[in-house]
Amino acid sequence: MALRYSTYVRNFMAGIGSFKDAFHNGRIEIYTGAQPASADAAVTGTLLCTITNNSGAITYEVLSSGTVTLTGGAAGSVNTITVNGIDVLGGAVAYNTSLTQTAADVAAQINNFKGTTEYVATSAGAVITITALPGTGVAPNTFVVASTVTTITKTDANMAGGVASVNGVKYGYAAAGVISKLASQVWSGVNAASGTAGWYRAYGSVTDAGAVDTNLVFSREDGAISTSGAELNLSSTAIVAAATTTISSWSRTLPTA
């Protein structure tokens, strides 16, 4: 078996954030059998254990978001968009063909703007949704979303809905190209079933049921489990229901070549 990342997390690390951003405050699930061919695929095997902070019940993060809804005439431009007074657009976007296409162009410019480090944008019809990055929790709630336009009209909705995660696993600071589990945390879980651990899936902080990721929106890492030489090493692969499984060490290394 091999280390596999979901499409979303590969895109996220390549263009938006870090490994730590993608997986901080998430969970790790341990399964029987062999891992799927892709981390975008649904989980397989029997769920043996869910690893959290000190076996605690996890509360999943909900990402705060706000919107700009375009209306009005078939001309003009979206000139500025700010969140909490900070520019996230990086320059005017001209009306293009339709309000739907213009909204898509605005979302793309927000995502490509190097000054935008804390938000990503999507569009659906004429609605531009600006979403805070994982790990921000409740902090962006009430941040004012403000836009200016020419000819086009619009309605702005402030950032809201963010919920902080609780009892997710945390990662420490990277050093020499290596990131490890946060030393002060105990990564553990009470086993839900008995069986032989074969593979694991690490998740990000938001709700993810492990189904096929058709929309490519979830942070996932899949890998093999063994007692040595695997992506995740345990003291024993024999999992016994109601006992506690602990991950005593964990790290990922960015290759030098």
Protein backbone atom coordinates (compact mmCIF):
# COMPACT_ATOMS: atom_id res chain seq x y z
CA MET A 1 0.00 0.00 0.00
CA ALA A 2 1.01 3.62 -0.39
CA LEU A 3 0.46 7.10 0.98
CA ARG A 4 -2.42 8.68 -0.95
CA TYR A 5 -3.95 12.15 -0.74
CA SER A 6 -7.36 13.32 -1.91
CA THR A 7 -7.60 15.62 -4.91
CA TYR A 8 -8.80 18.46 -2.71
CA VAL A 9 -5.89 18.28 -0.29
CA ARG A 10 -3.35 18.10 -3.13
CA ASN A 11 -4.87 21.21 -4.68
CA PHE A 12 -5.07 22.87 -1.27
CA MET A 13 -1.41 22.29 -0.46
CA ALA A 14 -0.31 23.26 -3.97
CA GLY A 15 -2.15 26.56 -4.10
CA ILE A 16 -3.86 27.66 -0.89
CA GLY A 17 -2.51 26.37 2.43
CA SER A 18 -0.28 23.88 4.19
CA PHE A 19 -0.48 20.25 5.28
CA LYS A 20 -1.10 21.49 8.80
CA ASP A 21 -3.95 23.73 7.63
CA ALA A 22 -5.53 20.81 5.77
CA PHE A 23 -5.50 18.29 8.65
CA HIS A 24 -5.26 20.26 11.91
CA ASN A 25 -8.15 19.49 14.29
CA GLY A 26 -9.26 16.47 12.26
CA ARG A 27 -9.42 12.77 13.10
CA ILE A 28 -7.87 9.45 12.05
CA GLU A 29 -9.96 6.34 11.38
CA ILE A 30 -8.47 2.83 11.45
CA TYR A 31 -9.96 0.12 9.21
CA THR A 32 -9.50 -3.55 8.38
CA GLY A 33 -8.37 -4.72 4.96
CA ALA A 34 -6.64 -2.79 2.19
CA GLN A 35 -6.99 0.92 1.52
CA PRO A 36 -8.97 2.11 -1.52
CA ALA A 37 -7.20 2.92 -4.78
CA SER A 38 -7.86 6.63 -4.21
CA ALA A 39 -8.38 8.84 -1.18
CA ASP A 40 -11.35 10.30 -3.06
CA ALA A 41 -13.02 6.87 -2.88
CA ALA A 42 -15.35 5.64 -0.15
CA VAL A 43 -13.85 3.90 2.87
CA THR A 44 -13.67 0.11 2.84
CA GLY A 45 -13.42 -2.53 5.56
CA THR A 46 -14.62 -2.40 9.15
CA LEU A 47 -14.10 0.76 11.21
CA LEU A 48 -12.07 -0.35 14.21
CA CYS A 49 -11.19 2.91 15.92
CA THR A 50 -11.47 6.70 15.60
CA ILE A 51 -8.44 8.60 16.87
CA THR A 52 -9.07 12.01 18.46
CA ASN A 53 -7.54 14.11 21.21
CA ASN A 54 -7.39 11.81 24.25
CA SER A 55 -10.33 9.72 22.92
CA GLY A 56 -12.67 12.71 23.23
CA ALA A 57 -15.87 13.12 21.25
CA ILE A 58 -15.12 15.32 18.28
CA THR A 59 -17.03 18.44 17.30
CA TYR A 60 -16.43 19.17 13.63
CA GLU A 61 -15.49 22.61 12.41
CA VAL A 62 -17.97 24.61 10.35
CA LEU A 63 -16.28 27.18 8.13
CA SER A 64 -17.53 30.75 8.36
CA SER A 65 -18.75 32.25 5.08
CA GLY A 66 -20.27 35.37 3.56
CA THR A 67 -21.68 36.23 0.16
CA VAL A 68 -21.90 38.85 -2.55
CA THR A 69 -24.98 38.41 -4.75
CA LEU A 70 -24.90 40.17 -8.11
CA THR A 71 -28.06 41.62 -9.64
CA GLY A 72 -28.98 44.34 -12.09
CA GLY A 73 -27.79 45.37 -15.52
CA ALA A 74 -25.77 43.62 -18.19
CA ALA A 75 -22.75 45.91 -17.98
CA GLY A 76 -20.30 47.46 -15.55
CA SER A 77 -17.94 45.83 -13.08
CA VAL A 78 -17.32 44.55 -9.58
CA ASN A 79 -14.75 47.03 -8.32
CA THR A 80 -13.79 45.96 -4.80
CA ILE A 81 -14.60 43.31 -2.22
CA THR A 82 -13.29 43.50 1.33
CA VAL A 83 -13.65 41.19 4.33
CA ASN A 84 -13.10 42.84 7.69
CA GLY A 85 -11.74 45.83 5.80
CA ILE A 86 -9.10 43.78 3.96
CA ASP A 87 -9.12 43.66 0.16
CA VAL A 88 -9.73 40.14 -1.15
CA LEU A 89 -10.35 40.95 -4.83
CA GLY A 90 -7.19 42.72 -5.96
CA GLY A 91 -8.71 44.81 -8.73
CA ALA A 92 -11.92 45.38 -10.67
CA VAL A 93 -13.58 42.54 -12.59
CA ALA A 94 -15.57 43.60 -15.66
CA TYR A 95 -19.03 42.26 -16.48
CA ASN A 96 -18.61 39.23 -18.75
CA THR A 97 -21.53 37.83 -20.78
CA SER A 98 -23.84 37.20 -17.80
CA LEU A 99 -24.05 37.69 -14.06
CA THR A 100 -23.31 33.98 -13.62
CA GLN A 101 -20.09 34.23 -15.64
CA THR A 102 -19.15 37.48 -13.91
CA ALA A 103 -19.58 35.86 -10.51
CA ALA A 104 -17.37 32.97 -11.62
CA ASP A 105 -14.73 35.46 -12.80
CA VAL A 106 -14.86 37.28 -9.46
CA ALA A 107 -14.46 34.02 -7.51
CA ALA A 108 -11.49 33.03 -9.69
CA GLN A 109 -9.80 36.40 -9.14
CA ILE A 110 -10.27 36.16 -5.36
CA ASN A 111 -8.64 32.72 -5.41
CA ASN A 112 -5.77 33.92 -7.60
CA PHE A 113 -5.15 37.15 -5.66
CA LYS A 114 -1.92 36.72 -3.72
CA GLY A 115 -3.13 39.16 -1.08
CA THR A 116 -5.90 36.73 -0.12
CA THR A 117 -4.47 34.28 2.39
CA GLU A 118 -7.42 33.49 4.65
CA TYR A 119 -10.33 32.92 2.27
CA VAL A 120 -11.39 30.98 -0.79
CA ALA A 121 -14.28 31.80 -3.10
CA THR A 122 -16.82 29.82 -5.09
CA SER A 123 -19.78 30.83 -7.20
CA ALA A 124 -23.21 29.40 -7.91
CA GLY A 125 -25.28 31.36 -10.35
CA ALA A 126 -24.80 35.03 -9.50
CA VAL A 127 -23.82 34.36 -5.87
CA ILE A 128 -20.18 34.60 -4.83
CA THR A 129 -19.48 32.76 -1.57
CA ILE A 130 -16.37 33.69 0.41
CA THR A 131 -15.32 30.99 2.88
CA ALA A 132 -12.70 31.14 5.64
CA LEU A 133 -9.94 28.54 5.67
CA PRO A 134 -9.95 25.51 7.98
CA GLY A 135 -8.76 26.28 11.48
CA THR A 136 -10.36 29.72 11.72
CA GLY A 137 -13.49 28.46 13.49
CA VAL A 138 -15.62 31.22 15.01
CA ALA A 139 -13.04 34.00 14.51
CA PRO A 140 -14.37 35.35 11.18
CA ASN A 141 -18.01 35.41 12.31
CA THR A 142 -19.45 38.96 12.01
CA PHE A 143 -16.60 40.10 9.73
CA VAL A 144 -18.13 42.62 7.36
CA VAL A 145 -18.25 41.68 3.67
CA ALA A 146 -18.40 44.90 1.62
CA SER A 147 -18.33 45.29 -2.16
CA THR A 148 -18.48 48.20 -4.59
CA VAL A 149 -19.81 47.94 -8.13
CA THR A 150 -20.48 49.98 -11.25
CA THR A 151 -23.85 49.55 -13.04
CA ILE A 152 -24.25 46.05 -11.60
CA THR A 153 -26.16 45.99 -8.32
CA LYS A 154 -25.42 43.67 -5.43
CA THR A 155 -26.30 42.48 -1.93
CA ASP A 156 -23.61 41.67 0.64
CA ALA A 157 -23.94 39.24 3.54
CA ASN A 158 -21.40 39.26 6.36
CA MET A 159 -19.35 36.27 7.48
CA ALA A 160 -21.31 33.92 9.72
CA GLY A 161 -21.88 30.30 10.70
CA GLY A 162 -18.36 29.39 11.83
CA VAL A 163 -18.05 26.71 14.52
CA ALA A 164 -14.75 25.77 16.18
CA SER A 165 -13.67 22.13 16.26
CA VAL A 166 -13.27 20.33 19.59
CA ASN A 167 -11.04 17.32 20.35
CA GLY A 168 -9.49 17.08 16.91
CA VAL A 169 -5.90 15.89 16.56
CA LYS A 170 -3.35 18.68 16.30
CA TYR A 171 0.01 18.97 14.58
CA GLY A 172 3.12 20.75 15.81
CA TYR A 173 5.43 23.19 14.08
CA ALA A 174 7.46 21.96 11.14
CA ALA A 175 11.24 21.65 11.55
CA ALA A 176 13.79 20.53 8.96
CA GLY A 177 10.97 19.69 6.58
CA VAL A 178 9.21 17.42 9.11
CA ILE A 179 5.83 17.95 10.77
CA SER A 180 4.81 15.75 13.71
CA LYS A 181 1.88 15.28 16.06
CA LEU A 182 1.57 17.93 18.74
CA ALA A 183 3.65 16.53 21.58
CA SER A 184 1.27 17.70 24.30
CA GLN A 185 -1.68 15.76 22.84
CA VAL A 186 -2.58 12.12 23.33
CA TRP A 187 -3.84 10.69 20.04
CA SER A 188 -6.12 7.85 21.05
CA GLY A 189 -9.51 6.24 20.63
CA VAL A 190 -11.67 3.55 22.21
CA ASN A 191 -11.94 0.66 19.77
CA ALA A 192 -15.38 0.20 18.22
CA ALA A 193 -14.75 -3.37 16.99
CA SER A 194 -12.19 -6.18 17.01
CA GLY A 195 -10.06 -6.96 13.98
CA THR A 196 -6.69 -6.53 12.28
CA ALA A 197 -5.77 -2.97 11.42
CA GLY A 198 -4.88 -2.71 7.75
CA TRP A 199 -5.14 0.93 6.75
CA TYR A 200 -6.17 4.36 8.01
CA ARG A 201 -7.73 7.54 6.73
CA ALA A 202 -6.83 10.94 8.22
CA TYR A 203 -9.46 13.65 7.78
CA GLY A 204 -9.57 17.42 7.99
CA SER A 205 -11.52 19.35 10.59
CA VAL A 206 -14.90 19.51 8.82
CA THR A 207 -17.61 16.83 8.70
CA ASP A 208 -16.67 14.05 6.26
CA ALA A 209 -18.53 10.73 6.31
CA GLY A 210 -15.88 8.99 4.19
CA ALA A 211 -18.13 8.51 1.14
CA VAL A 212 -17.01 9.03 -2.46
CA ASP A 213 -15.79 12.64 -2.71
CA THR A 214 -17.55 13.44 -5.97
CA ASN A 215 -17.21 17.20 -5.51
CA LEU A 216 -13.54 17.01 -4.42
CA VAL A 217 -14.01 19.07 -1.25
CA PHE A 218 -12.44 16.95 1.53
CA SER A 219 -8.95 16.74 3.04
CA ARG A 220 -7.94 13.07 3.29
CA GLU A 221 -4.76 11.05 3.70
CA ASP A 222 -4.80 7.24 3.30
CA GLY A 223 -2.01 4.87 4.21
CA ALA A 224 -1.06 1.42 5.41
CA ILE A 225 -0.82 0.31 9.04
CA SER A 226 1.79 -2.05 10.43
CA THR A 227 4.08 -2.36 13.42
CA SER A 228 7.01 -0.92 11.42
CA GLY A 229 7.78 0.48 8.00
CA ALA A 230 4.24 1.64 7.22
CA GLU A 231 2.65 5.07 6.85
CA LEU A 232 1.19 4.56 10.34
CA ASN A 233 2.89 2.25 12.83
CA LEU A 234 1.11 0.85 15.88
CA SER A 235 2.50 -1.28 18.70
CA SER A 236 0.12 -4.02 17.50
CA THR A 237 -2.27 -4.38 14.58
CA ALA A 238 -4.57 -6.61 16.66
CA ILE A 239 -7.42 -4.31 17.70
CA VAL A 240 -9.70 -5.45 20.53
CA ALA A 241 -13.14 -3.92 20.98
CA ALA A 242 -13.50 -1.55 23.99
CA ALA A 243 -9.72 -1.31 24.49
CA THR A 244 -7.89 1.93 23.71
CA THR A 245 -5.59 2.41 20.73
CA THR A 246 -2.93 5.12 21.03
CA ILE A 247 -0.74 6.61 18.32
CA SER A 248 2.43 7.43 20.21
CA SER A 249 4.31 9.03 17.31
CA TRP A 250 3.48 10.39 13.90
CA SER A 251 5.33 12.55 11.36
CA ARG A 252 5.44 13.48 7.68
CA THR A 253 8.59 14.58 5.84
CA LEU A 254 8.68 16.84 2.81
CA PRO A 255 11.15 15.14 0.45
CA THR A 256 14.39 16.89 -0.44
CA ALA A 257 14.47 15.47 -3.95
